[in-house]
Amino acid sequence: MVFDLDGTLLDTWTVHRHSLRQAAVTVGLVAPSAATLATVQRATDLDTLRALVGDERLDRADSAYGAALRAALSTRSVPAMPGAAEAVARLRAADIAVGVCTGRSRRDAQRLLDASDLLIDLTVAREEAHRPKPAPDGLLRALELLDLTADTALYVGDSAADVAQGRDAGVRTLLLARPSRVPGLRASADGPPHLASLCDLPDLVRRDST
């Protein structure tokens, strides 16, 4: 079982939005509105920063983003998504290998996990993938580290990029998202299966294994 991090295991939108705004102001831009941030949102935080500030300011913005994230996490926790802690605990109790695959840097991803109450180990971050999500590199590396094969694994994400990553890695993928949050993705016979809540995941896995 492999999970995406942001929006799947952890509700990081508030701290992510704050850090993006701080990064933009640091490189001389006006603090972006919520609508602008939603428009520039990409598959990874680095690609989102690039869309927000451009290539010339990217290095400075990335450093500022990391500093803002670190400062924010020193005073607040990051909530787990509903059902995440229970799902991870039940999966581990059933002796199912569990990992996290994210497009974030290892530094920032670990900070987010440390600021949450979720007991799960980071498996693969940006540094371990040759190409960023939606390319399958990170997920394939996670399978390798967890000693899994594509046909015995399940991947859970919350975005179109996660669905594409799982598809190209040959891994069955569940989409944890309201259809309206993922343009172009709707529940259908040939689309990705939708998972209403992480609370339902352990029972789904158990049914599939019997």
N, C-alpha and C. Protein backbone atom coordinates (compact mmCIF):
# COMPACT_ATOMS: atom_id res chain seq x y z
N MET A 1 0.84 -1.17 0.00
CA MET A 1 0.00 0.00 0.00
C MET A 1 0.89 1.24 0.00
N VAL A 2 0.71 2.10 -1.01
CA VAL A 2 1.50 3.33 -1.10
C VAL A 2 0.53 4.51 -1.15
N PHE A 3 0.84 5.53 -0.37
CA PHE A 3 0.01 6.72 -0.30
C PHE A 3 0.75 7.94 -0.83
N ASP A 4 0.03 8.81 -1.52
CA ASP A 4 0.48 10.18 -1.72
C ASP A 4 0.41 10.89 -0.37
N LEU A 5 1.09 12.04 -0.25
CA LEU A 5 1.13 12.73 1.03
C LEU A 5 0.10 13.86 1.14
N ASP A 6 0.29 14.91 0.35
CA ASP A 6 -0.56 16.10 0.45
C ASP A 6 -1.97 15.83 -0.05
N GLY A 7 -2.95 16.09 0.80
CA GLY A 7 -4.33 15.91 0.41
C GLY A 7 -4.81 14.48 0.46
N THR A 8 -3.90 13.55 0.72
CA THR A 8 -4.26 12.14 0.84
C THR A 8 -4.10 11.67 2.28
N LEU A 9 -2.89 11.79 2.80
CA LEU A 9 -2.65 11.46 4.20
C LEU A 9 -2.74 12.68 5.11
N LEU A 10 -2.25 13.83 4.63
CA LEU A 10 -2.22 15.04 5.44
C LEU A 10 -2.97 16.17 4.76
N ASP A 11 -3.68 16.96 5.56
CA ASP A 11 -4.37 18.14 5.06
C ASP A 11 -3.41 19.32 5.15
N THR A 12 -2.63 19.52 4.10
CA THR A 12 -1.54 20.50 4.11
C THR A 12 -1.88 21.80 3.41
N TRP A 13 -3.12 21.95 2.91
CA TRP A 13 -3.42 23.10 2.07
C TRP A 13 -3.19 24.43 2.78
N THR A 14 -3.57 24.55 4.05
CA THR A 14 -3.43 25.82 4.76
C THR A 14 -1.96 26.24 4.87
N VAL A 15 -1.11 25.34 5.31
CA VAL A 15 0.30 25.69 5.47
C VAL A 15 0.99 25.83 4.12
N HIS A 16 0.56 25.08 3.13
CA HIS A 16 1.11 25.18 1.78
C HIS A 16 0.77 26.55 1.18
N ARG A 17 -0.46 26.97 1.31
CA ARG A 17 -0.90 28.26 0.79
C ARG A 17 -0.14 29.40 1.46
N HIS A 18 0.01 29.33 2.78
CA HIS A 18 0.77 30.35 3.51
C HIS A 18 2.21 30.43 3.01
N SER A 19 2.84 29.27 2.82
CA SER A 19 4.25 29.25 2.40
C SER A 19 4.42 29.75 0.98
N LEU A 20 3.46 29.45 0.10
CA LEU A 20 3.51 29.97 -1.26
C LEU A 20 3.42 31.50 -1.26
N ARG A 21 2.55 32.04 -0.45
CA ARG A 21 2.41 33.49 -0.39
C ARG A 21 3.69 34.14 0.13
N GLN A 22 4.27 33.57 1.16
CA GLN A 22 5.51 34.11 1.70
C GLN A 22 6.63 34.06 0.68
N ALA A 23 6.69 32.98 -0.09
CA ALA A 23 7.71 32.85 -1.12
C ALA A 23 7.53 33.91 -2.20
N ALA A 24 6.29 34.15 -2.61
CA ALA A 24 6.03 35.15 -3.64
C ALA A 24 6.43 36.54 -3.17
N VAL A 25 6.08 36.89 -1.95
CA VAL A 25 6.43 38.21 -1.41
C VAL A 25 7.94 38.35 -1.29
N THR A 26 8.62 37.31 -0.89
CA THR A 26 10.07 37.36 -0.72
C THR A 26 10.79 37.69 -2.02
N VAL A 27 10.28 37.21 -3.15
CA VAL A 27 10.94 37.48 -4.44
C VAL A 27 10.37 38.71 -5.12
N GLY A 28 9.56 39.49 -4.38
CA GLY A 28 9.13 40.78 -4.91
C GLY A 28 7.78 40.82 -5.58
N LEU A 29 6.98 39.77 -5.44
CA LEU A 29 5.65 39.75 -6.03
C LEU A 29 4.60 40.11 -5.00
N VAL A 30 3.45 40.49 -5.47
CA VAL A 30 2.31 40.73 -4.59
C VAL A 30 1.80 39.38 -4.08
N ALA A 31 1.41 39.35 -2.81
CA ALA A 31 0.88 38.10 -2.26
C ALA A 31 -0.29 37.61 -3.10
N PRO A 32 -0.21 36.42 -3.64
CA PRO A 32 -1.26 35.92 -4.54
C PRO A 32 -2.55 35.61 -3.80
N SER A 33 -3.65 35.78 -4.50
CA SER A 33 -4.96 35.46 -3.95
C SER A 33 -5.17 33.95 -3.92
N ALA A 34 -6.21 33.53 -3.21
CA ALA A 34 -6.55 32.11 -3.18
C ALA A 34 -6.88 31.59 -4.57
N ALA A 35 -7.54 32.44 -5.38
CA ALA A 35 -7.90 32.03 -6.74
C ALA A 35 -6.64 31.83 -7.58
N THR A 36 -5.66 32.72 -7.42
CA THR A 36 -4.40 32.58 -8.17
C THR A 36 -3.67 31.31 -7.76
N LEU A 37 -3.63 31.04 -6.47
CA LEU A 37 -2.94 29.84 -6.00
C LEU A 37 -3.62 28.58 -6.52
N ALA A 38 -4.92 28.58 -6.58
CA ALA A 38 -5.63 27.42 -7.14
C ALA A 38 -5.32 27.25 -8.61
N THR A 39 -5.15 28.37 -9.32
CA THR A 39 -4.86 28.31 -10.76
C THR A 39 -3.48 27.78 -11.05
N VAL A 40 -2.49 28.17 -10.22
CA VAL A 40 -1.10 27.77 -10.49
C VAL A 40 -0.74 26.43 -9.87
N GLN A 41 -1.65 25.84 -9.11
CA GLN A 41 -1.33 24.58 -8.44
C GLN A 41 -0.97 23.50 -9.46
N ARG A 42 0.17 22.85 -9.23
CA ARG A 42 0.66 21.80 -10.11
C ARG A 42 0.85 20.50 -9.32
N ALA A 43 1.41 19.51 -9.97
CA ALA A 43 1.54 18.19 -9.35
C ALA A 43 2.50 18.18 -8.18
N THR A 44 3.51 19.07 -8.17
CA THR A 44 4.47 19.14 -7.07
C THR A 44 4.59 20.57 -6.59
N ASP A 45 5.10 20.74 -5.38
CA ASP A 45 5.27 22.09 -4.84
C ASP A 45 6.27 22.89 -5.65
N LEU A 46 7.32 22.24 -6.15
CA LEU A 46 8.32 22.95 -6.94
C LEU A 46 7.74 23.44 -8.26
N ASP A 47 6.95 22.62 -8.92
CA ASP A 47 6.31 23.04 -10.17
C ASP A 47 5.29 24.14 -9.91
N THR A 48 4.64 24.10 -8.76
CA THR A 48 3.70 25.16 -8.40
C THR A 48 4.45 26.48 -8.21
N LEU A 49 5.57 26.43 -7.53
CA LEU A 49 6.39 27.63 -7.34
C LEU A 49 6.86 28.18 -8.69
N ARG A 50 7.26 27.29 -9.57
CA ARG A 50 7.71 27.73 -10.90
C ARG A 50 6.59 28.45 -11.64
N ALA A 51 5.40 27.91 -11.58
CA ALA A 51 4.27 28.54 -12.24
C ALA A 51 3.93 29.88 -11.60
N LEU A 52 4.21 30.03 -10.33
CA LEU A 52 3.88 31.24 -9.60
C LEU A 52 4.91 32.36 -9.81
N VAL A 53 6.20 32.01 -9.80
CA VAL A 53 7.24 33.06 -9.80
C VAL A 53 8.12 33.04 -11.04
N GLY A 54 8.09 31.96 -11.83
CA GLY A 54 8.96 31.87 -13.00
C GLY A 54 10.29 31.23 -12.68
N ASP A 55 11.03 30.87 -13.72
CA ASP A 55 12.30 30.15 -13.54
C ASP A 55 13.38 31.01 -12.90
N GLU A 56 13.45 32.28 -13.24
CA GLU A 56 14.54 33.12 -12.74
C GLU A 56 14.47 33.31 -11.23
N ARG A 57 13.30 33.31 -10.66
CA ARG A 57 13.14 33.51 -9.23
C ARG A 57 12.95 32.21 -8.47
N LEU A 58 13.01 31.09 -9.17
CA LEU A 58 12.61 29.82 -8.56
C LEU A 58 13.49 29.43 -7.38
N ASP A 59 14.80 29.54 -7.50
CA ASP A 59 15.68 29.11 -6.41
C ASP A 59 15.42 29.91 -5.14
N ARG A 60 15.30 31.23 -5.29
CA ARG A 60 15.02 32.08 -4.12
C ARG A 60 13.66 31.75 -3.53
N ALA A 61 12.69 31.53 -4.41
CA ALA A 61 11.34 31.23 -3.94
C ALA A 61 11.29 29.89 -3.21
N ASP A 62 12.04 28.92 -3.71
CA ASP A 62 12.06 27.61 -3.08
C ASP A 62 12.67 27.70 -1.68
N SER A 63 13.75 28.47 -1.54
CA SER A 63 14.35 28.66 -0.22
C SER A 63 13.39 29.37 0.72
N ALA A 64 12.70 30.39 0.19
CA ALA A 64 11.75 31.14 1.01
C ALA A 64 10.56 30.27 1.41
N TYR A 65 10.13 29.43 0.50
CA TYR A 65 9.02 28.50 0.79
C TYR A 65 9.42 27.58 1.95
N GLY A 66 10.61 27.00 1.86
CA GLY A 66 11.07 26.11 2.92
C GLY A 66 11.18 26.80 4.26
N ALA A 67 11.66 28.04 4.25
CA ALA A 67 11.78 28.80 5.50
C ALA A 67 10.41 29.10 6.09
N ALA A 68 9.46 29.49 5.23
CA ALA A 68 8.12 29.79 5.69
C ALA A 68 7.43 28.54 6.23
N LEU A 69 7.65 27.42 5.56
CA LEU A 69 7.06 26.16 6.03
C LEU A 69 7.63 25.79 7.39
N ARG A 70 8.94 25.90 7.53
CA ARG A 70 9.58 25.56 8.80
C ARG A 70 9.06 26.45 9.93
N ALA A 71 8.94 27.75 9.66
CA ALA A 71 8.45 28.68 10.68
C ALA A 71 7.00 28.37 11.06
N ALA A 72 6.18 28.08 10.05
CA ALA A 72 4.78 27.78 10.33
C ALA A 72 4.62 26.51 11.15
N LEU A 73 5.42 25.51 10.84
CA LEU A 73 5.29 24.23 11.53
C LEU A 73 5.85 24.28 12.95
N SER A 74 6.58 25.34 13.28
CA SER A 74 7.08 25.48 14.64
C SER A 74 5.98 25.92 15.60
N THR A 75 4.88 26.41 15.05
CA THR A 75 3.80 26.92 15.89
C THR A 75 2.46 26.22 15.65
N ARG A 76 2.40 25.32 14.69
CA ARG A 76 1.13 24.65 14.42
C ARG A 76 1.37 23.21 13.99
N SER A 77 0.37 22.40 14.15
CA SER A 77 0.44 21.01 13.70
C SER A 77 -0.25 20.89 12.35
N VAL A 78 -0.04 19.77 11.72
CA VAL A 78 -0.68 19.49 10.44
C VAL A 78 -1.67 18.36 10.65
N PRO A 79 -2.95 18.60 10.38
CA PRO A 79 -3.93 17.54 10.63
C PRO A 79 -3.84 16.42 9.60
N ALA A 80 -4.02 15.22 10.07
CA ALA A 80 -4.15 14.09 9.16
C ALA A 80 -5.52 14.15 8.50
N MET A 81 -5.61 13.61 7.29
CA MET A 81 -6.91 13.52 6.64
C MET A 81 -7.81 12.57 7.43
N PRO A 82 -9.11 12.78 7.38
CA PRO A 82 -10.03 11.92 8.13
C PRO A 82 -9.81 10.43 7.82
N GLY A 83 -9.64 9.66 8.86
CA GLY A 83 -9.47 8.22 8.71
C GLY A 83 -8.06 7.76 8.43
N ALA A 84 -7.11 8.70 8.22
CA ALA A 84 -5.75 8.31 7.82
C ALA A 84 -5.05 7.50 8.91
N ALA A 85 -5.08 8.00 10.14
CA ALA A 85 -4.37 7.31 11.22
C ALA A 85 -4.95 5.91 11.44
N GLU A 86 -6.28 5.81 11.44
CA GLU A 86 -6.92 4.51 11.63
C GLU A 86 -6.58 3.55 10.49
N ALA A 87 -6.61 4.06 9.26
CA ALA A 87 -6.33 3.20 8.11
C ALA A 87 -4.91 2.67 8.15
N VAL A 88 -3.93 3.55 8.44
CA VAL A 88 -2.54 3.12 8.50
C VAL A 88 -2.34 2.09 9.60
N ALA A 89 -2.93 2.34 10.77
CA ALA A 89 -2.79 1.41 11.88
C ALA A 89 -3.38 0.04 11.55
N ARG A 90 -4.55 0.02 10.93
CA ARG A 90 -5.21 -1.25 10.61
C ARG A 90 -4.47 -2.00 9.51
N LEU A 91 -3.94 -1.28 8.55
CA LEU A 91 -3.17 -1.93 7.48
C LEU A 91 -1.91 -2.58 8.05
N ARG A 92 -1.22 -1.85 8.92
CA ARG A 92 -0.01 -2.41 9.52
C ARG A 92 -0.34 -3.60 10.42
N ALA A 93 -1.45 -3.52 11.14
CA ALA A 93 -1.85 -4.63 11.99
C ALA A 93 -2.15 -5.87 11.17
N ALA A 94 -2.56 -5.67 9.91
CA ALA A 94 -2.82 -6.78 9.00
C ALA A 94 -1.56 -7.22 8.26
N ASP A 95 -0.42 -6.69 8.69
CA ASP A 95 0.88 -7.05 8.11
C ASP A 95 0.99 -6.66 6.63
N ILE A 96 0.42 -5.51 6.29
CA ILE A 96 0.51 -4.97 4.93
C ILE A 96 1.57 -3.88 4.91
N ALA A 97 2.51 -3.98 3.98
CA ALA A 97 3.55 -2.96 3.85
C ALA A 97 2.92 -1.63 3.46
N VAL A 98 3.31 -0.56 4.15
CA VAL A 98 2.73 0.76 3.93
C VAL A 98 3.84 1.77 3.69
N GLY A 99 3.69 2.60 2.66
CA GLY A 99 4.70 3.61 2.36
C GLY A 99 4.08 4.90 1.86
N VAL A 100 4.93 5.92 1.77
CA VAL A 100 4.54 7.25 1.30
C VAL A 100 5.41 7.64 0.12
N CYS A 101 4.78 8.08 -0.95
CA CYS A 101 5.48 8.55 -2.14
C CYS A 101 5.01 9.97 -2.42
N THR A 102 5.92 10.94 -2.40
CA THR A 102 5.55 12.33 -2.59
C THR A 102 6.50 13.05 -3.53
N GLY A 103 5.99 14.07 -4.19
CA GLY A 103 6.81 14.90 -5.04
C GLY A 103 7.50 16.02 -4.30
N ARG A 104 7.26 16.14 -2.99
CA ARG A 104 7.95 17.14 -2.18
C ARG A 104 9.40 16.75 -1.94
N SER A 105 10.20 17.72 -1.52
CA SER A 105 11.55 17.40 -1.08
C SER A 105 11.47 16.56 0.18
N ARG A 106 12.48 15.74 0.40
CA ARG A 106 12.49 14.91 1.61
C ARG A 106 12.48 15.79 2.86
N ARG A 107 13.18 16.90 2.81
CA ARG A 107 13.23 17.81 3.96
C ARG A 107 11.83 18.29 4.34
N ASP A 108 11.11 18.84 3.36
CA ASP A 108 9.80 19.40 3.66
C ASP A 108 8.77 18.32 3.99
N ALA A 109 8.84 17.19 3.28
CA ALA A 109 7.89 16.11 3.55
C ALA A 109 8.06 15.58 4.96
N GLN A 110 9.31 15.43 5.40
CA GLN A 110 9.56 14.93 6.74
C GLN A 110 9.10 15.93 7.79
N ARG A 111 9.29 17.22 7.51
CA ARG A 111 8.79 18.24 8.44
C ARG A 111 7.28 18.15 8.61
N LEU A 112 6.59 17.95 7.51
CA LEU A 112 5.13 17.84 7.58
C LEU A 112 4.71 16.61 8.37
N LEU A 113 5.35 15.49 8.12
CA LEU A 113 5.01 14.27 8.86
C LEU A 113 5.32 14.44 10.35
N ASP A 114 6.45 15.08 10.64
CA ASP A 114 6.83 15.29 12.05
C ASP A 114 5.84 16.20 12.76
N ALA A 115 5.20 17.10 12.00
CA ALA A 115 4.24 18.05 12.59
C ALA A 115 2.84 17.45 12.69
N SER A 116 2.69 16.22 12.27
CA SER A 116 1.40 15.54 12.36
C SER A 116 1.48 14.45 13.42
N ASP A 117 0.35 13.86 13.71
CA ASP A 117 0.31 12.73 14.64
C ASP A 117 0.28 11.40 13.90
N LEU A 118 0.56 11.43 12.61
CA LEU A 118 0.48 10.23 11.80
C LEU A 118 1.77 9.43 11.90
N LEU A 119 1.67 8.20 12.29
CA LEU A 119 2.84 7.34 12.46
C LEU A 119 3.07 6.53 11.19
N ILE A 120 3.82 7.11 10.28
CA ILE A 120 4.12 6.45 9.02
C ILE A 120 5.46 6.97 8.52
N ASP A 121 6.22 6.11 7.89
CA ASP A 121 7.55 6.48 7.42
C ASP A 121 7.51 6.97 5.97
N LEU A 122 8.24 8.05 5.71
CA LEU A 122 8.40 8.54 4.35
C LEU A 122 9.25 7.54 3.58
N THR A 123 8.79 7.15 2.39
CA THR A 123 9.51 6.16 1.58
C THR A 123 10.28 6.82 0.45
N VAL A 124 9.58 7.58 -0.39
CA VAL A 124 10.21 8.21 -1.55
C VAL A 124 9.80 9.67 -1.62
N ALA A 125 10.78 10.55 -1.81
CA ALA A 125 10.54 11.97 -1.99
C ALA A 125 11.12 12.39 -3.34
N ARG A 126 11.09 13.69 -3.59
CA ARG A 126 11.52 14.23 -4.89
C ARG A 126 12.92 13.76 -5.28
N GLU A 127 13.81 13.70 -4.33
CA GLU A 127 15.20 13.38 -4.63
C GLU A 127 15.40 11.97 -5.18
N GLU A 128 14.48 11.06 -4.87
CA GLU A 128 14.62 9.67 -5.32
C GLU A 128 14.00 9.40 -6.68
N ALA A 129 13.36 10.39 -7.27
CA ALA A 129 12.71 10.19 -8.57
C ALA A 129 13.45 10.97 -9.65
N HIS A 130 13.79 10.31 -10.74
CA HIS A 130 14.48 10.98 -11.84
C HIS A 130 13.57 12.01 -12.49
N ARG A 131 12.30 11.69 -12.61
CA ARG A 131 11.30 12.60 -13.19
C ARG A 131 10.18 12.80 -12.18
N PRO A 132 9.64 14.01 -12.10
CA PRO A 132 8.59 14.27 -11.13
C PRO A 132 7.26 13.68 -11.56
N LYS A 133 6.37 13.54 -10.60
CA LYS A 133 4.99 13.20 -10.87
C LYS A 133 4.42 14.18 -11.90
N PRO A 134 3.70 13.69 -12.91
CA PRO A 134 2.99 12.40 -13.01
C PRO A 134 3.80 11.25 -13.61
N ALA A 135 5.09 11.45 -13.89
CA ALA A 135 5.92 10.31 -14.33
C ALA A 135 5.92 9.26 -13.22
N PRO A 136 6.07 7.98 -13.58
CA PRO A 136 5.92 6.91 -12.59
C PRO A 136 7.16 6.65 -11.74
N ASP A 137 8.25 7.38 -11.96
CA ASP A 137 9.54 7.06 -11.35
C ASP A 137 9.47 6.92 -9.83
N GLY A 138 8.86 7.90 -9.17
CA GLY A 138 8.81 7.87 -7.71
C GLY A 138 8.04 6.68 -7.18
N LEU A 139 6.92 6.38 -7.79
CA LEU A 139 6.11 5.25 -7.34
C LEU A 139 6.82 3.93 -7.58
N LEU A 140 7.47 3.79 -8.72
CA LEU A 140 8.22 2.57 -9.00
C LEU A 140 9.35 2.38 -8.00
N ARG A 141 9.99 3.47 -7.62
CA ARG A 141 11.05 3.39 -6.61
C ARG A 141 10.48 2.98 -5.26
N ALA A 142 9.32 3.50 -4.93
CA ALA A 142 8.68 3.12 -3.67
C ALA A 142 8.37 1.62 -3.64
N LEU A 143 7.88 1.09 -4.75
CA LEU A 143 7.60 -0.35 -4.82
C LEU A 143 8.88 -1.14 -4.59
N GLU A 144 9.96 -0.67 -5.20
CA GLU A 144 11.24 -1.37 -5.05
C GLU A 144 11.69 -1.37 -3.59
N LEU A 145 11.60 -0.24 -2.93
CA LEU A 145 12.05 -0.14 -1.54
C LEU A 145 11.16 -0.93 -0.59
N LEU A 146 9.88 -1.04 -0.92
CA LEU A 146 8.95 -1.79 -0.08
C LEU A 146 8.88 -3.27 -0.47
N ASP A 147 9.68 -3.65 -1.47
CA ASP A 147 9.71 -5.04 -1.95
C ASP A 147 8.34 -5.49 -2.43
N LEU A 148 7.71 -4.62 -3.23
CA LEU A 148 6.41 -4.91 -3.82
C LEU A 148 6.52 -4.96 -5.33
N THR A 149 5.56 -5.59 -5.96
CA THR A 149 5.46 -5.55 -7.41
C THR A 149 4.20 -4.78 -7.78
N ALA A 150 4.17 -4.29 -9.01
CA ALA A 150 3.05 -3.45 -9.43
C ALA A 150 1.71 -4.17 -9.30
N ASP A 151 1.70 -5.47 -9.55
CA ASP A 151 0.43 -6.20 -9.53
C ASP A 151 -0.01 -6.59 -8.12
N THR A 152 0.84 -6.37 -7.12
CA THR A 152 0.45 -6.68 -5.74
C THR A 152 0.29 -5.41 -4.90
N ALA A 153 0.44 -4.24 -5.52
CA ALA A 153 0.38 -2.98 -4.78
C ALA A 153 -0.90 -2.23 -5.08
N LEU A 154 -1.20 -1.29 -4.20
CA LEU A 154 -2.32 -0.38 -4.36
C LEU A 154 -1.82 1.01 -4.02
N TYR A 155 -2.17 1.99 -4.84
CA TYR A 155 -1.73 3.37 -4.64
C TYR A 155 -2.96 4.25 -4.41
N VAL A 156 -2.88 5.13 -3.43
CA VAL A 156 -3.98 6.04 -3.12
C VAL A 156 -3.49 7.47 -3.25
N GLY A 157 -4.17 8.27 -4.09
CA GLY A 157 -3.83 9.67 -4.28
C GLY A 157 -5.09 10.50 -4.37
N ASP A 158 -4.90 11.81 -4.59
CA ASP A 158 -6.07 12.70 -4.61
C ASP A 158 -6.10 13.62 -5.82
N SER A 159 -5.29 13.34 -6.84
CA SER A 159 -5.22 14.26 -7.97
C SER A 159 -5.12 13.49 -9.28
N ALA A 160 -5.34 14.23 -10.37
CA ALA A 160 -5.19 13.63 -11.69
C ALA A 160 -3.75 13.16 -11.91
N ALA A 161 -2.79 13.91 -11.37
CA ALA A 161 -1.38 13.50 -11.51
C ALA A 161 -1.11 12.18 -10.80
N ASP A 162 -1.76 11.96 -9.65
CA ASP A 162 -1.61 10.69 -8.95
C ASP A 162 -2.19 9.54 -9.78
N VAL A 163 -3.33 9.78 -10.39
CA VAL A 163 -3.94 8.75 -11.22
C VAL A 163 -3.03 8.41 -12.40
N ALA A 164 -2.45 9.43 -13.04
CA ALA A 164 -1.54 9.20 -14.16
C ALA A 164 -0.28 8.46 -13.70
N GLN A 165 0.24 8.82 -12.54
CA GLN A 165 1.42 8.15 -12.02
C GLN A 165 1.15 6.68 -11.76
N GLY A 166 0.04 6.39 -11.13
CA GLY A 166 -0.31 5.00 -10.87
C GLY A 166 -0.52 4.21 -12.14
N ARG A 167 -1.22 4.81 -13.10
CA ARG A 167 -1.48 4.13 -14.38
C ARG A 167 -0.17 3.79 -15.09
N ASP A 168 0.74 4.76 -15.16
CA ASP A 168 1.99 4.54 -15.90
C ASP A 168 2.93 3.60 -15.16
N ALA A 169 2.73 3.46 -13.86
CA ALA A 169 3.53 2.49 -13.10
C ALA A 169 2.89 1.10 -13.12
N GLY A 170 1.68 1.00 -13.68
CA GLY A 170 1.00 -0.28 -13.73
C GLY A 170 0.42 -0.70 -12.40
N VAL A 171 0.14 0.28 -11.53
CA VAL A 171 -0.35 0.00 -10.18
C VAL A 171 -1.82 0.40 -10.08
N ARG A 172 -2.63 -0.45 -9.53
CA ARG A 172 -4.03 -0.10 -9.30
C ARG A 172 -4.08 1.13 -8.39
N THR A 173 -4.89 2.11 -8.78
CA THR A 173 -4.93 3.39 -8.07
C THR A 173 -6.34 3.74 -7.66
N LEU A 174 -6.47 4.23 -6.43
CA LEU A 174 -7.73 4.74 -5.92
C LEU A 174 -7.62 6.25 -5.78
N LEU A 175 -8.67 6.96 -6.16
CA LEU A 175 -8.69 8.41 -6.10
C LEU A 175 -9.48 8.86 -4.88
N LEU A 176 -8.79 9.45 -3.92
CA LEU A 176 -9.44 9.99 -2.73
C LEU A 176 -9.73 11.47 -3.00
N ALA A 177 -10.88 11.73 -3.58
CA ALA A 177 -11.22 13.11 -3.94
C ALA A 177 -12.67 13.19 -4.32
N ARG A 178 -13.29 14.32 -4.03
CA ARG A 178 -14.60 14.60 -4.61
C ARG A 178 -14.38 14.84 -6.10
N PRO A 179 -15.20 14.30 -6.97
CA PRO A 179 -14.99 14.49 -8.40
C PRO A 179 -14.82 15.94 -8.80
N SER A 180 -15.49 16.87 -8.12
CA SER A 180 -15.39 18.28 -8.50
C SER A 180 -14.01 18.85 -8.23
N ARG A 181 -13.21 18.18 -7.37
CA ARG A 181 -11.87 18.68 -7.08
C ARG A 181 -10.88 18.30 -8.15
N VAL A 182 -11.21 17.37 -8.99
CA VAL A 182 -10.26 16.88 -9.98
C VAL A 182 -10.87 17.02 -11.36
N PRO A 183 -10.66 18.16 -12.03
CA PRO A 183 -11.26 18.38 -13.34
C PRO A 183 -10.92 17.26 -14.31
N GLY A 184 -11.94 16.81 -15.03
CA GLY A 184 -11.72 15.78 -16.03
C GLY A 184 -11.82 14.37 -15.50
N LEU A 185 -11.90 14.22 -14.17
CA LEU A 185 -12.01 12.89 -13.59
C LEU A 185 -13.38 12.72 -12.96
N ARG A 186 -14.11 11.78 -13.43
CA ARG A 186 -15.43 11.49 -12.89
C ARG A 186 -15.56 9.98 -12.70
N ALA A 187 -16.33 9.60 -11.74
CA ALA A 187 -16.54 8.17 -11.53
C ALA A 187 -17.21 7.58 -12.76
N SER A 188 -16.57 6.59 -13.36
CA SER A 188 -17.11 5.94 -14.55
C SER A 188 -16.54 4.55 -14.66
N ALA A 189 -17.10 3.79 -15.58
CA ALA A 189 -16.66 2.40 -15.73
C ALA A 189 -15.19 2.31 -16.11
N ASP A 190 -14.68 3.28 -16.89
CA ASP A 190 -13.30 3.20 -17.33
C ASP A 190 -12.40 4.20 -16.60
N GLY A 191 -12.93 4.90 -15.60
CA GLY A 191 -12.14 5.86 -14.85
C GLY A 191 -11.57 5.24 -13.59
N PRO A 192 -10.80 6.02 -12.82
CA PRO A 192 -10.20 5.49 -11.60
C PRO A 192 -11.27 5.26 -10.53
N PRO A 193 -11.17 4.18 -9.78
CA PRO A 193 -12.12 3.97 -8.68
C PRO A 193 -11.99 5.09 -7.65
N HIS A 194 -13.11 5.57 -7.14
CA HIS A 194 -13.10 6.63 -6.14
C HIS A 194 -13.25 6.03 -4.74
N LEU A 195 -12.48 6.56 -3.83
CA LEU A 195 -12.54 6.14 -2.43
C LEU A 195 -13.16 7.28 -1.64
N ALA A 196 -14.31 7.04 -1.03
CA ALA A 196 -15.02 8.10 -0.33
C ALA A 196 -14.28 8.55 0.92
N SER A 197 -13.63 7.62 1.61
CA SER A 197 -12.94 7.94 2.85
C SER A 197 -11.84 6.92 3.09
N LEU A 198 -10.75 7.36 3.70
CA LEU A 198 -9.70 6.43 4.07
C LEU A 198 -10.18 5.41 5.10
N CYS A 199 -11.24 5.74 5.81
CA CYS A 199 -11.81 4.79 6.76
C CYS A 199 -12.25 3.49 6.08
N ASP A 200 -12.61 3.60 4.80
CA ASP A 200 -13.10 2.43 4.06
C ASP A 200 -11.97 1.57 3.50
N LEU A 201 -10.75 2.09 3.54
CA LEU A 201 -9.66 1.42 2.83
C LEU A 201 -9.30 0.04 3.39
N PRO A 202 -9.10 -0.12 4.69
CA PRO A 202 -8.72 -1.45 5.19
C PRO A 202 -9.71 -2.54 4.83
N ASP A 203 -11.01 -2.24 4.92
CA ASP A 203 -12.02 -3.25 4.58
C ASP A 203 -11.98 -3.56 3.10
N LEU A 204 -11.72 -2.56 2.26
CA LEU A 204 -11.61 -2.78 0.83
C LEU A 204 -10.43 -3.69 0.51
N VAL A 205 -9.30 -3.43 1.16
CA VAL A 205 -8.11 -4.26 0.94
C VAL A 205 -8.37 -5.69 1.41
N ARG A 206 -9.04 -5.83 2.53
CA ARG A 206 -9.34 -7.17 3.05
C ARG A 206 -10.24 -7.94 2.10
N ARG A 207 -11.25 -7.26 1.53
CA ARG A 207 -12.14 -7.93 0.59
C ARG A 207 -11.38 -8.36 -0.67
N ASP A 208 -10.46 -7.51 -1.13
CA ASP A 208 -9.70 -7.83 -2.34
C ASP A 208 -8.76 -9.01 -2.12
N SER A 209 -8.33 -9.21 -0.88
CA SER A 209 -7.35 -10.27 -0.61
C SER A 209 -8.01 -11.62 -0.35
N THR A 210 -9.34 -11.63 -0.24
CA THR A 210 -10.03 -12.89 0.04
C THR A 210 -10.59 -13.49 -1.22
